Amino acid sequence: MNAVQELLALYPFSVTVIVMVAAETLKQLISGVKDNTWFSTGGMPSSHSAFATSLLLVVGSIDGMSSTTFAIASVLAGFIWYDAAFVRSKVGDQAKALNILQQFEAFSERVGHSVAEVVAGIGFGGVMTWALLFWVGM
């Protein structure tokens, strides 16, 4: 086992941070190249969803799927997924209405994620976490 594997095995939460940073980097590259919008909110894949999925899988692999901590991580992930896909899109709708009503400041209307972006984040986070945990031997 090399030093990076030992570090990840010793601090498994770092797997979730790596997954989140990788998802955010990928998202910024996709939106930057595709739309020339660098460092904007929303986008594919959802790094929030990737992080929540990664945390769920790490907790499940360490504490087991019948543990209380896994139940807490499941509820937290559900809240994050729901917020990313539905609640923050309503904030974007409100920003659009405010932009129509007032003229002195333009609010960002792209705040949340589409369901596809959340699902992509879940998939990205799950696959990357599984690969890292497999590599570490957890």
N, C-alpha and C. Protein backbone atom coordinates (compact mmCIF):
# COMPACT_ATOMS: atom_id res chain seq x y z
N MET A 1 0.85 -1.18 0.00
CA MET A 1 0.00 0.00 0.00
C MET A 1 0.90 1.24 0.00
N ASN A 2 0.64 2.16 -0.92
CA ASN A 2 1.47 3.36 -0.99
C ASN A 2 0.97 4.42 0.01
N ALA A 3 1.68 5.53 0.07
CA ALA A 3 1.39 6.57 1.06
C ALA A 3 0.00 7.19 0.87
N VAL A 4 -0.41 7.39 -0.38
CA VAL A 4 -1.73 7.98 -0.63
C VAL A 4 -2.83 7.03 -0.18
N GLN A 5 -2.68 5.75 -0.48
CA GLN A 5 -3.67 4.76 -0.04
C GLN A 5 -3.74 4.70 1.48
N GLU A 6 -2.61 4.74 2.13
CA GLU A 6 -2.59 4.72 3.60
C GLU A 6 -3.28 5.95 4.17
N LEU A 7 -3.04 7.11 3.56
CA LEU A 7 -3.66 8.35 4.01
C LEU A 7 -5.18 8.28 3.85
N LEU A 8 -5.65 7.78 2.71
CA LEU A 8 -7.09 7.67 2.49
C LEU A 8 -7.72 6.65 3.42
N ALA A 9 -7.01 5.57 3.71
CA ALA A 9 -7.53 4.56 4.64
C ALA A 9 -7.58 5.11 6.06
N LEU A 10 -6.61 5.94 6.41
CA LEU A 10 -6.56 6.53 7.75
C LEU A 10 -7.60 7.63 7.92
N TYR A 11 -7.83 8.41 6.86
CA TYR A 11 -8.78 9.52 6.88
C TYR A 11 -9.79 9.34 5.74
N PRO A 12 -10.75 8.44 5.90
CA PRO A 12 -11.68 8.15 4.80
C PRO A 12 -12.55 9.33 4.38
N PHE A 13 -12.73 10.32 5.28
CA PHE A 13 -13.50 11.49 4.89
C PHE A 13 -12.81 12.24 3.76
N SER A 14 -11.50 12.11 3.66
CA SER A 14 -10.78 12.78 2.57
C SER A 14 -11.23 12.27 1.21
N VAL A 15 -11.76 11.04 1.14
CA VAL A 15 -12.31 10.53 -0.13
C VAL A 15 -13.45 11.42 -0.58
N THR A 16 -14.32 11.82 0.35
CA THR A 16 -15.46 12.66 -0.02
C THR A 16 -15.01 14.03 -0.49
N VAL A 17 -13.95 14.55 0.11
CA VAL A 17 -13.42 15.85 -0.31
C VAL A 17 -12.82 15.75 -1.70
N ILE A 18 -12.08 14.68 -1.97
CA ILE A 18 -11.51 14.46 -3.30
C ILE A 18 -12.61 14.36 -4.35
N VAL A 19 -13.67 13.63 -4.03
CA VAL A 19 -14.79 13.48 -4.96
C VAL A 19 -15.45 14.83 -5.22
N MET A 20 -15.67 15.62 -4.18
CA MET A 20 -16.30 16.93 -4.35
C MET A 20 -15.43 17.86 -5.20
N VAL A 21 -14.15 17.90 -4.93
CA VAL A 21 -13.24 18.75 -5.69
C VAL A 21 -13.18 18.30 -7.15
N ALA A 22 -13.14 16.99 -7.37
CA ALA A 22 -13.11 16.47 -8.75
C ALA A 22 -14.40 16.81 -9.49
N ALA A 23 -15.55 16.67 -8.82
CA ALA A 23 -16.83 17.00 -9.46
C ALA A 23 -16.91 18.49 -9.77
N GLU A 24 -16.47 19.32 -8.85
CA GLU A 24 -16.51 20.77 -9.07
C GLU A 24 -15.56 21.17 -10.20
N THR A 25 -14.40 20.57 -10.24
CA THR A 25 -13.44 20.85 -11.32
C THR A 25 -14.01 20.44 -12.66
N LEU A 26 -14.59 19.24 -12.72
CA LEU A 26 -15.20 18.76 -13.96
C LEU A 26 -16.33 19.69 -14.39
N LYS A 27 -17.17 20.10 -13.43
CA LYS A 27 -18.28 21.00 -13.74
C LYS A 27 -17.79 22.32 -14.31
N GLN A 28 -16.77 22.88 -13.69
CA GLN A 28 -16.25 24.17 -14.17
C GLN A 28 -15.64 24.03 -15.56
N LEU A 29 -14.96 22.92 -15.82
CA LEU A 29 -14.40 22.70 -17.16
C LEU A 29 -15.50 22.55 -18.20
N ILE A 30 -16.54 21.80 -17.87
CA ILE A 30 -17.65 21.60 -18.82
C ILE A 30 -18.35 22.92 -19.11
N SER A 31 -18.73 23.65 -18.06
CA SER A 31 -19.46 24.91 -18.29
C SER A 31 -18.55 25.97 -18.90
N GLY A 32 -17.28 25.96 -18.54
CA GLY A 32 -16.36 26.94 -19.09
C GLY A 32 -16.11 26.73 -20.57
N VAL A 33 -15.89 25.50 -20.97
CA VAL A 33 -15.63 25.21 -22.38
C VAL A 33 -16.91 25.29 -23.21
N LYS A 34 -17.99 24.74 -22.67
CA LYS A 34 -19.26 24.68 -23.43
C LYS A 34 -19.93 26.04 -23.55
N ASP A 35 -20.06 26.75 -22.43
CA ASP A 35 -20.85 27.99 -22.40
C ASP A 35 -20.01 29.24 -22.14
N ASN A 36 -18.72 29.07 -21.91
CA ASN A 36 -17.82 30.17 -21.55
C ASN A 36 -18.31 30.89 -20.29
N THR A 37 -18.85 30.11 -19.36
CA THR A 37 -19.27 30.64 -18.06
C THR A 37 -18.44 29.94 -16.99
N TRP A 38 -17.39 30.60 -16.56
CA TRP A 38 -16.50 30.03 -15.57
C TRP A 38 -16.96 30.41 -14.17
N PHE A 39 -16.89 29.46 -13.26
CA PHE A 39 -17.18 29.66 -11.84
C PHE A 39 -18.61 30.15 -11.61
N SER A 40 -19.56 29.51 -12.28
CA SER A 40 -20.96 29.84 -12.07
C SER A 40 -21.61 28.74 -11.22
N THR A 41 -22.80 29.04 -10.70
CA THR A 41 -23.51 28.06 -9.90
C THR A 41 -24.28 27.13 -10.82
N GLY A 42 -24.74 26.01 -10.25
CA GLY A 42 -25.44 25.01 -11.04
C GLY A 42 -24.46 24.26 -11.92
N GLY A 43 -24.97 23.54 -12.89
CA GLY A 43 -24.11 22.86 -13.85
C GLY A 43 -23.98 21.37 -13.63
N MET A 44 -23.34 20.74 -14.59
CA MET A 44 -23.21 19.28 -14.66
C MET A 44 -21.79 18.88 -14.35
N PRO A 45 -21.55 17.95 -13.45
CA PRO A 45 -22.47 17.31 -12.50
C PRO A 45 -22.58 18.15 -11.22
N SER A 46 -23.59 17.87 -10.45
CA SER A 46 -23.79 18.56 -9.19
C SER A 46 -22.74 18.09 -8.19
N SER A 47 -21.86 18.98 -7.77
CA SER A 47 -20.82 18.59 -6.80
C SER A 47 -21.43 18.36 -5.41
N HIS A 48 -22.53 19.06 -5.11
CA HIS A 48 -23.23 18.79 -3.85
C HIS A 48 -23.72 17.35 -3.82
N SER A 49 -24.33 16.92 -4.91
CA SER A 49 -24.86 15.55 -4.98
C SER A 49 -23.74 14.52 -4.96
N ALA A 50 -22.63 14.83 -5.64
CA ALA A 50 -21.49 13.92 -5.63
C ALA A 50 -20.93 13.78 -4.21
N PHE A 51 -20.82 14.90 -3.50
CA PHE A 51 -20.31 14.88 -2.13
C PHE A 51 -21.23 14.08 -1.22
N ALA A 52 -22.54 14.34 -1.31
CA ALA A 52 -23.49 13.64 -0.45
C ALA A 52 -23.48 12.14 -0.71
N THR A 53 -23.39 11.76 -1.97
CA THR A 53 -23.33 10.34 -2.33
C THR A 53 -22.05 9.71 -1.81
N SER A 54 -20.94 10.42 -1.97
CA SER A 54 -19.67 9.91 -1.49
C SER A 54 -19.68 9.72 0.02
N LEU A 55 -20.21 10.71 0.74
CA LEU A 55 -20.31 10.60 2.19
C LEU A 55 -21.16 9.40 2.58
N LEU A 56 -22.27 9.23 1.90
CA LEU A 56 -23.16 8.10 2.17
C LEU A 56 -22.44 6.77 1.98
N LEU A 57 -21.68 6.64 0.90
CA LEU A 57 -20.97 5.39 0.63
C LEU A 57 -19.81 5.16 1.60
N VAL A 58 -19.11 6.21 1.96
CA VAL A 58 -18.01 6.06 2.91
C VAL A 58 -18.54 5.65 4.28
N VAL A 59 -19.58 6.31 4.73
CA VAL A 59 -20.18 5.95 6.03
C VAL A 59 -20.71 4.52 5.98
N GLY A 60 -21.37 4.16 4.88
CA GLY A 60 -21.89 2.80 4.74
C GLY A 60 -20.80 1.74 4.73
N SER A 61 -19.67 2.06 4.11
CA SER A 61 -18.59 1.07 4.05
C SER A 61 -17.86 0.94 5.39
N ILE A 62 -17.84 2.00 6.17
CA ILE A 62 -17.13 1.94 7.47
C ILE A 62 -18.05 1.45 8.58
N ASP A 63 -19.23 2.05 8.70
CA ASP A 63 -20.12 1.74 9.83
C ASP A 63 -21.18 0.69 9.49
N GLY A 64 -21.37 0.39 8.22
CA GLY A 64 -22.39 -0.58 7.82
C GLY A 64 -23.71 0.11 7.50
N MET A 65 -24.48 -0.53 6.65
CA MET A 65 -25.73 0.06 6.19
C MET A 65 -26.85 0.00 7.24
N SER A 66 -26.65 -0.73 8.30
CA SER A 66 -27.67 -0.78 9.35
C SER A 66 -27.34 0.13 10.53
N SER A 67 -26.30 0.94 10.38
CA SER A 67 -25.89 1.81 11.48
C SER A 67 -26.72 3.09 11.53
N THR A 68 -26.70 3.70 12.68
CA THR A 68 -27.37 4.98 12.86
C THR A 68 -26.71 6.07 12.03
N THR A 69 -25.40 6.03 11.95
CA THR A 69 -24.70 7.04 11.16
C THR A 69 -25.03 6.93 9.67
N PHE A 70 -25.24 5.71 9.18
CA PHE A 70 -25.65 5.56 7.79
C PHE A 70 -27.05 6.12 7.58
N ALA A 71 -27.93 5.92 8.55
CA ALA A 71 -29.28 6.48 8.45
C ALA A 71 -29.21 8.01 8.42
N ILE A 72 -28.38 8.59 9.26
CA ILE A 72 -28.22 10.05 9.27
C ILE A 72 -27.65 10.53 7.95
N ALA A 73 -26.63 9.84 7.44
CA ALA A 73 -26.03 10.22 6.15
C ALA A 73 -27.05 10.09 5.02
N SER A 74 -27.93 9.10 5.10
CA SER A 74 -28.97 8.92 4.08
C SER A 74 -29.95 10.09 4.07
N VAL A 75 -30.39 10.49 5.25
CA VAL A 75 -31.31 11.62 5.35
C VAL A 75 -30.64 12.90 4.87
N LEU A 76 -29.40 13.12 5.28
CA LEU A 76 -28.66 14.30 4.84
C LEU A 76 -28.51 14.31 3.32
N ALA A 77 -28.16 13.17 2.74
CA ALA A 77 -28.03 13.09 1.28
C ALA A 77 -29.36 13.38 0.60
N GLY A 78 -30.44 12.85 1.13
CA GLY A 78 -31.76 13.13 0.55
C GLY A 78 -32.10 14.61 0.56
N PHE A 79 -31.81 15.27 1.68
CA PHE A 79 -32.03 16.72 1.75
C PHE A 79 -31.19 17.47 0.72
N ILE A 80 -29.94 17.09 0.60
CA ILE A 80 -29.05 17.77 -0.34
C ILE A 80 -29.51 17.55 -1.77
N TRP A 81 -29.87 16.32 -2.12
CA TRP A 81 -30.34 16.02 -3.48
C TRP A 81 -31.62 16.80 -3.79
N TYR A 82 -32.56 16.80 -2.85
CA TYR A 82 -33.82 17.51 -3.06
C TYR A 82 -33.58 19.01 -3.19
N ASP A 83 -32.75 19.56 -2.32
CA ASP A 83 -32.45 20.99 -2.37
C ASP A 83 -31.80 21.36 -3.70
N ALA A 84 -30.84 20.56 -4.13
CA ALA A 84 -30.12 20.87 -5.36
C ALA A 84 -31.05 20.85 -6.58
N ALA A 85 -31.98 19.90 -6.60
CA ALA A 85 -32.83 19.74 -7.78
C ALA A 85 -34.09 20.60 -7.75
N PHE A 86 -34.66 20.84 -6.59
CA PHE A 86 -35.98 21.46 -6.56
C PHE A 86 -36.03 22.80 -5.82
N VAL A 87 -35.48 22.88 -4.62
CA VAL A 87 -35.60 24.11 -3.84
C VAL A 87 -34.84 25.25 -4.49
N ARG A 88 -33.60 25.00 -4.87
CA ARG A 88 -32.80 26.09 -5.44
C ARG A 88 -33.29 26.50 -6.82
N SER A 89 -33.99 25.63 -7.54
CA SER A 89 -34.56 26.05 -8.83
C SER A 89 -35.67 27.06 -8.60
N LYS A 90 -36.38 26.94 -7.49
CA LYS A 90 -37.41 27.93 -7.15
C LYS A 90 -36.79 29.28 -6.82
N VAL A 91 -35.62 29.27 -6.20
CA VAL A 91 -34.89 30.51 -5.95
C VAL A 91 -34.55 31.16 -7.28
N GLY A 92 -34.16 30.36 -8.27
CA GLY A 92 -33.89 30.88 -9.61
C GLY A 92 -35.12 31.48 -10.25
N ASP A 93 -36.27 30.84 -10.05
CA ASP A 93 -37.53 31.40 -10.57
C ASP A 93 -37.84 32.74 -9.91
N GLN A 94 -37.60 32.83 -8.60
CA GLN A 94 -37.82 34.10 -7.90
C GLN A 94 -36.86 35.18 -8.40
N ALA A 95 -35.62 34.80 -8.68
CA ALA A 95 -34.65 35.76 -9.21
C ALA A 95 -35.09 36.28 -10.57
N LYS A 96 -35.65 35.38 -11.38
CA LYS A 96 -36.15 35.79 -12.71
C LYS A 96 -37.28 36.81 -12.55
N ALA A 97 -38.20 36.55 -11.62
CA ALA A 97 -39.31 37.48 -11.39
C ALA A 97 -38.79 38.83 -10.86
N LEU A 98 -37.83 38.79 -9.95
CA LEU A 98 -37.26 40.03 -9.42
C LEU A 98 -36.54 40.82 -10.51
N ASN A 99 -35.87 40.12 -11.40
CA ASN A 99 -35.18 40.82 -12.50
C ASN A 99 -36.16 41.53 -13.42
N ILE A 100 -37.36 40.96 -13.57
CA ILE A 100 -38.38 41.61 -14.39
C ILE A 100 -38.94 42.84 -13.68
N LEU A 101 -39.11 42.74 -12.35
CA LEU A 101 -39.73 43.81 -11.58
C LEU A 101 -38.82 45.01 -11.33
N GLN A 102 -37.54 44.76 -11.23
CA GLN A 102 -36.63 45.86 -10.91
C GLN A 102 -35.52 45.91 -11.96
N GLN A 103 -34.89 47.05 -12.07
CA GLN A 103 -33.93 47.25 -13.14
C GLN A 103 -32.51 47.59 -12.65
N PHE A 104 -32.28 47.76 -11.37
CA PHE A 104 -30.98 48.25 -10.91
C PHE A 104 -29.96 47.16 -10.65
N GLU A 105 -30.36 45.91 -10.46
CA GLU A 105 -29.41 44.83 -10.22
C GLU A 105 -29.96 43.56 -10.82
N ALA A 106 -29.12 42.84 -11.53
CA ALA A 106 -29.55 41.57 -12.12
C ALA A 106 -29.14 40.43 -11.19
N PHE A 107 -30.13 39.68 -10.73
CA PHE A 107 -29.87 38.53 -9.88
C PHE A 107 -29.62 37.31 -10.76
N SER A 108 -28.73 36.44 -10.30
CA SER A 108 -28.44 35.21 -11.03
C SER A 108 -29.69 34.33 -11.03
N GLU A 109 -30.10 33.92 -12.21
CA GLU A 109 -31.29 33.07 -12.32
C GLU A 109 -30.93 31.59 -12.36
N ARG A 110 -29.66 31.29 -12.50
CA ARG A 110 -29.20 29.90 -12.53
C ARG A 110 -28.61 29.58 -11.18
N VAL A 111 -29.46 29.12 -10.25
CA VAL A 111 -29.02 28.88 -8.89
C VAL A 111 -28.94 27.39 -8.59
N GLY A 112 -29.92 26.62 -9.00
CA GLY A 112 -29.99 25.21 -8.67
C GLY A 112 -29.50 24.32 -9.79
N HIS A 113 -29.91 23.08 -9.71
CA HIS A 113 -29.54 22.06 -10.68
C HIS A 113 -30.78 21.45 -11.29
N SER A 114 -30.64 20.94 -12.49
CA SER A 114 -31.71 20.13 -13.07
C SER A 114 -31.63 18.75 -12.43
N VAL A 115 -32.70 17.97 -12.60
CA VAL A 115 -32.70 16.61 -12.06
C VAL A 115 -31.58 15.81 -12.71
N ALA A 116 -31.33 16.01 -14.00
CA ALA A 116 -30.26 15.30 -14.69
C ALA A 116 -28.89 15.62 -14.10
N GLU A 117 -28.68 16.88 -13.72
CA GLU A 117 -27.41 17.28 -13.12
C GLU A 117 -27.23 16.64 -11.75
N VAL A 118 -28.32 16.53 -10.99
CA VAL A 118 -28.26 15.87 -9.68
C VAL A 118 -27.98 14.38 -9.85
N VAL A 119 -28.66 13.75 -10.79
CA VAL A 119 -28.44 12.32 -11.05
C VAL A 119 -27.00 12.09 -11.52
N ALA A 120 -26.49 12.98 -12.37
CA ALA A 120 -25.10 12.87 -12.81
C ALA A 120 -24.15 13.02 -11.64
N GLY A 121 -24.45 13.93 -10.72
CA GLY A 121 -23.63 14.09 -9.52
C GLY A 121 -23.65 12.85 -8.64
N ILE A 122 -24.84 12.26 -8.49
CA ILE A 122 -24.96 11.03 -7.71
C ILE A 122 -24.14 9.92 -8.37
N GLY A 123 -24.26 9.78 -9.67
CA GLY A 123 -23.51 8.75 -10.39
C GLY A 123 -22.01 8.99 -10.32
N PHE A 124 -21.59 10.22 -10.56
CA PHE A 124 -20.17 10.57 -10.50
C PHE A 124 -19.61 10.30 -9.11
N GLY A 125 -20.32 10.78 -8.09
CA GLY A 125 -19.87 10.57 -6.71
C GLY A 125 -19.82 9.11 -6.33
N GLY A 126 -20.82 8.36 -6.76
CA GLY A 126 -20.86 6.93 -6.43
C GLY A 126 -19.73 6.16 -7.09
N VAL A 127 -19.53 6.38 -8.37
CA VAL A 127 -18.50 5.64 -9.10
C VAL A 127 -17.11 6.01 -8.60
N MET A 128 -16.86 7.30 -8.42
CA MET A 128 -15.54 7.73 -7.98
C MET A 128 -15.25 7.26 -6.55
N THR A 129 -16.24 7.33 -5.68
CA THR A 129 -16.06 6.86 -4.31
C THR A 129 -15.81 5.36 -4.28
N TRP A 130 -16.61 4.62 -5.03
CA TRP A 130 -16.43 3.17 -5.08
C TRP A 130 -15.02 2.83 -5.56
N ALA A 131 -14.55 3.53 -6.60
CA ALA A 131 -13.21 3.27 -7.14
C ALA A 131 -12.13 3.58 -6.10
N LEU A 132 -12.27 4.72 -5.41
CA LEU A 132 -11.28 5.08 -4.40
C LEU A 132 -11.29 4.12 -3.21
N LEU A 133 -12.48 3.73 -2.76
CA LEU A 133 -12.57 2.79 -1.65
C LEU A 133 -12.01 1.42 -2.04
N PHE A 134 -12.28 1.01 -3.27
CA PHE A 134 -11.74 -0.26 -3.77
C PHE A 134 -10.22 -0.19 -3.84
N TRP A 135 -9.70 0.94 -4.31
CA TRP A 135 -8.26 1.13 -4.44
C TRP A 135 -7.57 1.10 -3.06
N VAL A 136 -8.26 1.68 -2.07
CA VAL A 136 -7.70 1.72 -0.72
C VAL A 136 -7.84 0.37 -0.03
N GLY A 137 -8.83 -0.41 -0.46
CA GLY A 137 -9.06 -1.71 0.15
C GLY A 137 -10.07 -1.70 1.26
N MET A 138 -10.99 -0.75 1.18
CA MET A 138 -12.03 -0.63 2.23
C MET A 138 -13.30 -1.28 1.77
